[in-house]
Amino acid sequence: MRLIKYFVASSLDSYISRKDGGVDWLFMDQDYGMKEFFATVDVAVMGRKTYQKAIELAPSGPLFPGMKNYVFSHLLPKGKQEHVEVVSDPPEMWAESVRARPGKDIWLVGGGEMVREFLQKRLVNEIGISIHPRLLGDGVPLFAQPYPETELELVRSKAYPSGLLQVFYRVK
């Protein structure tokens, strides 16, 4: 079965961006395992706010080349658009449909509200967090409340000389 993997960058105090969506604080000086991760997925799914921020950061090309990109939204027009497919189905129906097709795993890009819904529906199989050694003090939380209590098992971790720490957990 294709796994749904939430893989995201976070500050040490558990924010995925500033309040305005800014991510200028993220380390971009090396790959930090992204190439290895991207080799395991061929679908990227995100919420509308994350999609709009991604378009703002990289307006000229596909969001994640080589991947099928989905955006969950009730505000954007449903259907295929340039580089993405907008869906408004319940996450469990969408996940069942995508998992039924052959392919690699599925990357749950974010954001916080959509991740909460995927967690509430017990659709997330793995959580990977790149923890940046920075305290933001405020911003968009890593996990939007309320989310269900979820037991995790550490799969692997890696510390980088820059101070970035990556942890990967399997959802039990």
C-alpha atoms as a PDB file:
ATOM      1  CA  MET A   1       0.000   0.000   0.000  1.00  0.00           C
ATOM      2  CA  ARG A   2       1.184   3.516  -0.798  1.00  0.00           C
ATOM      3  CA  LEU A   3       2.077   5.408   2.376  1.00  0.00           C
ATOM      4  CA  ILE A   4       1.131   8.984   3.172  1.00  0.00           C
ATOM      5  CA  LYS A   5       4.176  10.796   4.551  1.00  0.00           C
ATOM      6  CA  TYR A   6       4.029  14.195   6.217  1.00  0.00           C
ATOM      7  CA  PHE A   7       7.521  15.631   5.688  1.00  0.00           C
ATOM      8  CA  VAL A   8       8.004  19.232   6.720  1.00  0.00           C
ATOM      9  CA  ALA A   9      10.484  21.780   8.050  1.00  0.00           C
ATOM     10  CA  SER A  10       9.871  23.240  11.482  1.00  0.00           C
ATOM     11  CA  SER A  11      11.440  25.661  13.901  1.00  0.00           C
ATOM     12  CA  LEU A  12      12.518  24.226  17.245  1.00  0.00           C
ATOM     13  CA  ASP A  13       9.411  25.797  18.788  1.00  0.00           C
ATOM     14  CA  SER A  14       7.190  23.944  16.266  1.00  0.00           C
ATOM     15  CA  TYR A  15       6.267  26.519  13.644  1.00  0.00           C
ATOM     16  CA  ILE A  16       6.315  25.712   9.914  1.00  0.00           C
ATOM     17  CA  SER A  17       6.312  29.361   8.853  1.00  0.00           C
ATOM     18  CA  ARG A  18       5.961  32.874  10.149  1.00  0.00           C
ATOM     19  CA  LYS A  19       2.389  34.200  10.610  1.00  0.00           C
ATOM     20  CA  ASP A  20       2.574  35.741   7.119  1.00  0.00           C
ATOM     21  CA  GLY A  21       3.710  32.412   5.625  1.00  0.00           C
ATOM     22  CA  GLY A  22       7.348  33.504   5.394  1.00  0.00           C
ATOM     23  CA  VAL A  23       9.971  30.775   5.339  1.00  0.00           C
ATOM     24  CA  ASP A  24      13.084  32.932   4.911  1.00  0.00           C
ATOM     25  CA  TRP A  25      14.530  31.338   8.063  1.00  0.00           C
ATOM     26  CA  LEU A  26      14.830  27.860   6.496  1.00  0.00           C
ATOM     27  CA  PHE A  27      18.310  26.509   5.741  1.00  0.00           C
ATOM     28  CA  MET A  28      18.837  26.278   1.988  1.00  0.00           C
ATOM     29  CA  ASP A  29      22.595  25.695   1.986  1.00  0.00           C
ATOM     30  CA  GLN A  30      22.362  21.989   1.095  1.00  0.00           C
ATOM     31  CA  ASP A  31      19.969  19.175   0.177  1.00  0.00           C
ATOM     32  CA  TYR A  32      19.246  17.874   3.732  1.00  0.00           C
ATOM     33  CA  GLY A  33      18.013  14.527   2.397  1.00  0.00           C
ATOM     34  CA  MET A  34      15.376  15.983   0.068  1.00  0.00           C
ATOM     35  CA  LYS A  35      16.658  14.145  -3.038  1.00  0.00           C
ATOM     36  CA  GLU A  36      16.514  10.850  -1.152  1.00  0.00           C
ATOM     37  CA  PHE A  37      12.994  11.620   0.105  1.00  0.00           C
ATOM     38  CA  PHE A  38      11.755  12.736  -3.324  1.00  0.00           C
ATOM     39  CA  ALA A  39      12.891   9.386  -4.762  1.00  0.00           C
ATOM     40  CA  THR A  40      10.268   7.685  -2.538  1.00  0.00           C
ATOM     41  CA  VAL A  41       7.237   9.785  -3.572  1.00  0.00           C
ATOM     42  CA  ASP A  42       5.437  10.622  -6.810  1.00  0.00           C
ATOM     43  CA  VAL A  43       2.411  12.485  -5.449  1.00  0.00           C
ATOM     44  CA  ALA A  44       2.419  15.801  -3.560  1.00  0.00           C
ATOM     45  CA  VAL A  45      -0.735  16.973  -1.777  1.00  0.00           C
ATOM     46  CA  MET A  46      -1.203  20.299  -0.038  1.00  0.00           C
ATOM     47  CA  GLY A  47      -3.793  22.759   1.184  1.00  0.00           C
ATOM     48  CA  ARG A  48      -4.764  25.943  -0.614  1.00  0.00           C
ATOM     49  CA  LYS A  49      -2.657  28.269   1.562  1.00  0.00           C
ATOM     50  CA  THR A  50       0.463  26.133   1.100  1.00  0.00           C
ATOM     51  CA  TYR A  51      -0.208  25.978  -2.642  1.00  0.00           C
ATOM     52  CA  GLN A  52      -0.595  29.744  -2.906  1.00  0.00           C
ATOM     53  CA  LYS A  53       2.628  30.300  -0.939  1.00  0.00           C
ATOM     54  CA  ALA A  54       4.469  27.776  -3.157  1.00  0.00           C
ATOM     55  CA  ILE A  55       3.260  29.600  -6.279  1.00  0.00           C
ATOM     56  CA  GLU A  56       4.450  32.889  -4.766  1.00  0.00           C
ATOM     57  CA  LEU A  57       7.906  31.414  -4.085  1.00  0.00           C
ATOM     58  CA  ALA A  58       8.252  29.699  -7.487  1.00  0.00           C
ATOM     59  CA  PRO A  59       5.760  31.243  -9.943  1.00  0.00           C
ATOM     60  CA  SER A  60       7.326  30.078 -13.199  1.00  0.00           C
ATOM     61  CA  GLY A  61       7.241  26.307 -13.100  1.00  0.00           C
ATOM     62  CA  PRO A  62       5.616  23.176 -11.796  1.00  0.00           C
ATOM     63  CA  LEU A  63       5.578  22.941  -8.011  1.00  0.00           C
ATOM     64  CA  PHE A  64       7.240  19.555  -7.712  1.00  0.00           C
ATOM     65  CA  PRO A  65       8.423  18.297 -11.112  1.00  0.00           C
ATOM     66  CA  GLY A  66       7.912  14.604 -11.751  1.00  0.00           C
ATOM     67  CA  MET A  67       5.079  14.409  -9.224  1.00  0.00           C
ATOM     68  CA  LYS A  68       1.321  14.554  -9.539  1.00  0.00           C
ATOM     69  CA  ASN A  69       0.314  17.639  -7.521  1.00  0.00           C
ATOM     70  CA  TYR A  70      -3.022  17.892  -5.697  1.00  0.00           C
ATOM     71  CA  VAL A  71      -4.462  20.871  -3.831  1.00  0.00           C
ATOM     72  CA  PHE A  72      -7.314  20.506  -1.337  1.00  0.00           C
ATOM     73  CA  SER A  73      -9.590  23.529  -1.513  1.00  0.00           C
ATOM     74  CA  HIS A  74     -13.228  24.521  -1.302  1.00  0.00           C
ATOM     75  CA  LEU A  75     -12.424  28.004  -2.673  1.00  0.00           C
ATOM     76  CA  LEU A  76     -10.437  27.218  -5.840  1.00  0.00           C
ATOM     77  CA  PRO A  77     -12.264  25.805  -8.884  1.00  0.00           C
ATOM     78  CA  LYS A  78     -12.291  21.998  -8.732  1.00  0.00           C
ATOM     79  CA  GLY A  79     -10.449  20.070 -11.444  1.00  0.00           C
ATOM     80  CA  LYS A  80      -7.197  20.173 -13.354  1.00  0.00           C
ATOM     81  CA  GLN A  81      -5.373  23.455 -13.567  1.00  0.00           C
ATOM     82  CA  GLU A  82      -1.871  24.263 -14.708  1.00  0.00           C
ATOM     83  CA  HIS A  83       0.483  21.876 -12.836  1.00  0.00           C
ATOM     84  CA  VAL A  84      -2.109  20.812 -10.200  1.00  0.00           C
ATOM     85  CA  GLU A  85      -5.448  19.136  -9.692  1.00  0.00           C
ATOM     86  CA  VAL A  86      -7.759  20.829  -7.211  1.00  0.00           C
ATOM     87  CA  VAL A  87      -9.886  18.461  -5.150  1.00  0.00           C
ATOM     88  CA  SER A  88     -12.561  19.023  -2.549  1.00  0.00           C
ATOM     89  CA  ASP A  89     -13.416  15.392  -1.778  1.00  0.00           C
ATOM     90  CA  PRO A  90     -13.128  14.205   1.811  1.00  0.00           C
ATOM     91  CA  PRO A  91      -9.474  13.227   2.437  1.00  0.00           C
ATOM     92  CA  GLU A  92     -10.317   9.568   3.071  1.00  0.00           C
ATOM     93  CA  MET A  93     -12.062   9.251  -0.324  1.00  0.00           C
ATOM     94  CA  TRP A  94      -9.172  10.970  -2.094  1.00  0.00           C
ATOM     95  CA  ALA A  95      -6.581   8.827  -0.284  1.00  0.00           C
ATOM     96  CA  GLU A  96      -8.420   5.599  -1.101  1.00  0.00           C
ATOM     97  CA  SER A  97      -8.555   6.546  -4.776  1.00  0.00           C
ATOM     98  CA  VAL A  98      -4.882   7.552  -5.034  1.00  0.00           C
ATOM     99  CA  ARG A  99      -3.655   4.588  -2.992  1.00  0.00           C
ATOM    100  CA  ALA A 100      -5.538   2.233  -5.325  1.00  0.00           C
ATOM    101  CA  ARG A 101      -3.374   3.365  -8.251  1.00  0.00           C
ATOM    102  CA  PRO A 102       0.156   2.025  -8.712  1.00  0.00           C
ATOM    103  CA  GLY A 103       2.989   4.316  -7.770  1.00  0.00           C
ATOM    104  CA  LYS A 104       5.311   5.479  -5.057  1.00  0.00           C
ATOM    105  CA  ASP A 105       4.345   6.972  -1.716  1.00  0.00           C
ATOM    106  CA  ILE A 106       2.405  10.208  -1.198  1.00  0.00           C
ATOM    107  CA  TRP A 107       3.919  13.385   0.242  1.00  0.00           C
ATOM    108  CA  LEU A 108       1.618  15.349   2.504  1.00  0.00           C
ATOM    109  CA  VAL A 109       3.263  18.752   2.039  1.00  0.00           C
ATOM    110  CA  GLY A 110       1.012  20.734   4.384  1.00  0.00           C
ATOM    111  CA  GLY A 111      -0.387  22.996   5.755  1.00  0.00           C
ATOM    112  CA  GLY A 112      -1.391  22.673   9.332  1.00  0.00           C
ATOM    113  CA  GLU A 113      -5.176  22.577   8.949  1.00  0.00           C
ATOM    114  CA  MET A 114      -5.096  19.941   6.228  1.00  0.00           C
ATOM    115  CA  VAL A 115      -2.575  17.846   8.160  1.00  0.00           C
ATOM    116  CA  ARG A 116      -4.908  17.976  11.168  1.00  0.00           C
ATOM    117  CA  GLU A 117      -7.730  16.585   9.029  1.00  0.00           C
ATOM    118  CA  PHE A 118      -5.494  13.800   7.658  1.00  0.00           C
ATOM    119  CA  LEU A 119      -4.436  12.943  11.241  1.00  0.00           C
ATOM    120  CA  GLN A 120      -8.044  12.965  12.448  1.00  0.00           C
ATOM    121  CA  LYS A 121      -8.951  10.500   9.679  1.00  0.00           C
ATOM    122  CA  ARG A 122      -5.900   8.344  10.568  1.00  0.00           C
ATOM    123  CA  LEU A 123      -4.489   8.663   7.034  1.00  0.00           C
ATOM    124  CA  VAL A 124      -0.884   9.618   7.904  1.00  0.00           C
ATOM    125  CA  ASN A 125       1.599   6.717   7.976  1.00  0.00           C
ATOM    126  CA  GLU A 126       4.863   8.564   8.570  1.00  0.00           C
ATOM    127  CA  ILE A 127       5.928  11.932   9.965  1.00  0.00           C
ATOM    128  CA  GLY A 128       9.300  13.419   9.066  1.00  0.00           C
ATOM    129  CA  ILE A 129      10.397  16.721  10.545  1.00  0.00           C
ATOM    130  CA  SER A 130      13.470  18.773   9.675  1.00  0.00           C
ATOM    131  CA  ILE A 131      13.955  20.751  12.873  1.00  0.00           C
ATOM    132  CA  HIS A 132      15.800  24.005  12.275  1.00  0.00           C
ATOM    133  CA  PRO A 133      17.747  25.418  15.225  1.00  0.00           C
ATOM    134  CA  ARG A 134      15.678  28.585  15.469  1.00  0.00           C
ATOM    135  CA  LEU A 135      12.955  29.822  17.780  1.00  0.00           C
ATOM    136  CA  LEU A 136      10.363  31.864  15.876  1.00  0.00           C
ATOM    137  CA  GLY A 137       8.177  32.716  18.857  1.00  0.00           C
ATOM    138  CA  ASP A 138       5.022  32.742  16.745  1.00  0.00           C
ATOM    139  CA  GLY A 139       3.764  31.526  13.397  1.00  0.00           C
ATOM    140  CA  VAL A 140       1.840  28.733  11.715  1.00  0.00           C
ATOM    141  CA  PRO A 141       1.967  25.712  14.046  1.00  0.00           C
ATOM    142  CA  LEU A 142       3.441  22.385  12.965  1.00  0.00           C
ATOM    143  CA  PHE A 143       0.200  20.692  14.053  1.00  0.00           C
ATOM    144  CA  ALA A 144      -3.011  22.734  14.089  1.00  0.00           C
ATOM    145  CA  GLN A 145      -5.175  21.964  17.107  1.00  0.00           C
ATOM    146  CA  PRO A 146      -7.157  19.969  17.860  1.00  0.00           C
ATOM    147  CA  TYR A 147      -5.396  16.902  16.540  1.00  0.00           C
ATOM    148  CA  PRO A 148      -5.781  13.361  17.858  1.00  0.00           C
ATOM    149  CA  GLU A 149      -3.360  11.794  20.283  1.00  0.00           C
ATOM    150  CA  THR A 150      -1.147   9.684  18.050  1.00  0.00           C
ATOM    151  CA  GLU A 151       1.453   7.137  19.095  1.00  0.00           C
ATOM    152  CA  LEU A 152       4.663   7.232  17.072  1.00  0.00           C
ATOM    153  CA  GLU A 153       7.711   4.990  16.694  1.00  0.00           C
ATOM    154  CA  LEU A 154      11.107   6.469  15.819  1.00  0.00           C
ATOM    155  CA  VAL A 155      12.340   5.090  12.483  1.00  0.00           C
ATOM    156  CA  ARG A 156      15.533   7.129  12.055  1.00  0.00           C
ATOM    157  CA  SER A 157      17.167  10.431  12.828  1.00  0.00           C
ATOM    158  CA  LYS A 158      20.082  12.408  11.485  1.00  0.00           C
ATOM    159  CA  ALA A 159      21.927  15.427  12.841  1.00  0.00           C
ATOM    160  CA  TYR A 160      23.647  17.810  10.419  1.00  0.00           C
ATOM    161  CA  PRO A 161      26.689  20.002  11.225  1.00  0.00           C
ATOM    162  CA  SER A 162      24.487  23.082  10.667  1.00  0.00           C
ATOM    163  CA  GLY A 163      22.452  22.088  13.724  1.00  0.00           C
ATOM    164  CA  LEU A 164      19.467  20.880  11.703  1.00  0.00           C
ATOM    165  CA  LEU A 165      18.013  17.642  13.060  1.00  0.00           C
ATOM    166  CA  GLN A 166      15.802  15.327  11.030  1.00  0.00           C
ATOM    167  CA  VAL A 167      13.522  12.828  12.717  1.00  0.00           C
ATOM    168  CA  PHE A 168      11.243  10.301  11.052  1.00  0.00           C
ATOM    169  CA  TYR A 169       8.451   8.509  12.892  1.00  0.00           C
ATOM    170  CA  ARG A 170       6.102   5.738  11.865  1.00  0.00           C
ATOM    171  CA  VAL A 171       2.528   6.226  13.017  1.00  0.00           C
ATOM    172  CA  LYS A 172       1.542   3.202  15.099  1.00  0.00           C
END
